[in-house]
Amino acid sequence: MQSKLDFSLVLTRYGLELPERLHALNVKTQVIVMLSRVGRALTNDSIGRGAVALMSKPFNIEELMSEMDRVMGIFVSNQHVQNSH
């Protein structure tokens, strides 16, 4: 029997405050942050604050869909690992 996934994803352009607050509240929502400029230090900082990905604006719909697929794939893999223990 296949179980349902409880997967939530938020796309935000409001910086790193949202993923940080969700992470602090132990909310399991995946957050992709969209910023005008993305660098290595900012990427590392955002992941530490609870974001699962950063996207540099502007981007096209194919890039967005690809990133959403990647994030969901990681989530599904992590769920399988957790369920096998």
Protein backbone atom coordinates (compact mmCIF):
# COMPACT_ATOMS: atom_id res chain seq x y z
CA MET A 1 0.00 0.00 0.00
CA GLN A 2 1.36 3.37 -0.99
CA SER A 3 1.24 6.18 1.57
CA LYS A 4 0.41 9.79 0.79
CA LEU A 5 3.06 12.45 1.06
CA ASP A 6 2.45 15.51 3.19
CA PHE A 7 4.36 18.03 1.08
CA SER A 8 4.03 21.82 1.25
CA LEU A 9 6.06 24.26 -0.81
CA VAL A 10 6.22 28.05 -0.55
CA LEU A 11 7.80 30.35 -3.09
CA THR A 12 8.70 33.70 -1.56
CA ARG A 13 10.40 36.88 -2.66
CA TYR A 14 10.45 38.38 0.82
CA GLY A 15 13.93 37.31 1.82
CA LEU A 16 15.15 34.95 4.48
CA GLU A 17 12.81 35.89 7.32
CA LEU A 18 10.02 33.52 6.28
CA PRO A 19 12.08 30.30 6.10
CA GLU A 20 13.84 31.26 9.33
CA ARG A 21 10.53 31.78 11.17
CA LEU A 22 8.99 28.58 9.78
CA HIS A 23 12.10 26.63 10.75
CA ALA A 24 12.02 28.10 14.28
CA LEU A 25 8.36 27.07 14.61
CA ASN A 26 9.23 23.55 13.40
CA VAL A 27 6.92 23.93 10.39
CA LYS A 28 7.82 21.32 7.78
CA THR A 29 7.06 23.51 4.74
CA GLN A 30 9.73 23.58 2.03
CA VAL A 31 10.68 27.16 1.08
CA ILE A 32 12.27 28.37 -2.16
CA VAL A 33 13.47 31.97 -1.87
CA MET A 34 13.57 34.14 -4.99
CA LEU A 35 16.12 36.97 -4.87
CA SER A 36 17.53 39.49 -7.31
CA ARG A 37 21.11 38.43 -6.54
CA VAL A 38 22.33 35.08 -5.28
CA GLY A 39 25.89 34.34 -4.20
CA ARG A 40 27.64 31.49 -2.41
CA ALA A 41 27.59 33.18 1.03
CA LEU A 42 23.91 34.05 0.69
CA THR A 43 23.08 30.52 -0.45
CA ASN A 44 24.83 29.00 2.56
CA ASP A 45 23.15 31.51 4.88
CA SER A 46 19.69 30.82 3.45
CA ILE A 47 20.05 27.05 3.79
CA GLY A 48 21.12 27.56 7.41
CA ARG A 49 17.95 29.60 7.95
CA GLY A 50 15.65 26.88 6.63
CA ALA A 51 15.30 27.56 2.90
CA VAL A 52 15.64 24.53 0.64
CA ALA A 53 16.70 26.52 -2.42
CA LEU A 54 17.42 29.98 -3.79
CA MET A 55 16.55 31.21 -7.25
CA SER A 56 18.03 34.28 -8.87
CA LYS A 57 15.52 36.55 -10.64
CA PRO A 58 14.67 36.73 -13.44
CA PHE A 59 14.03 33.09 -14.30
CA ASN A 60 11.67 31.32 -16.67
CA ILE A 61 8.91 28.84 -15.91
CA GLU A 62 11.03 25.87 -16.98
CA GLU A 63 13.73 26.79 -14.45
CA LEU A 64 11.09 27.17 -11.74
CA MET A 65 9.48 23.82 -12.54
CA SER A 66 12.88 22.13 -12.61
CA GLU A 67 13.77 23.54 -9.18
CA MET A 68 10.39 22.51 -7.76
CA ASP A 69 10.89 18.97 -9.14
CA ARG A 70 14.37 18.85 -7.58
CA VAL A 71 13.09 19.98 -4.17
CA MET A 72 10.22 17.49 -4.26
CA GLY A 73 12.61 14.69 -5.25
CA ILE A 74 14.83 15.43 -2.26
CA PHE A 75 11.77 15.50 0.01
CA VAL A 76 10.52 12.15 -1.31
CA SER A 77 13.98 10.57 -0.90
CA ASN A 78 14.20 11.84 2.68
CA GLN A 79 10.72 10.47 3.45
CA HIS A 80 11.70 7.03 2.15
CA VAL A 81 14.84 7.03 4.30
CA GLN A 82 12.87 8.10 7.41
CA ASN A 83 10.17 5.50 6.80
CA SER A 84 12.71 2.69 6.38
CA HIS A 85 14.13 3.19 9.90
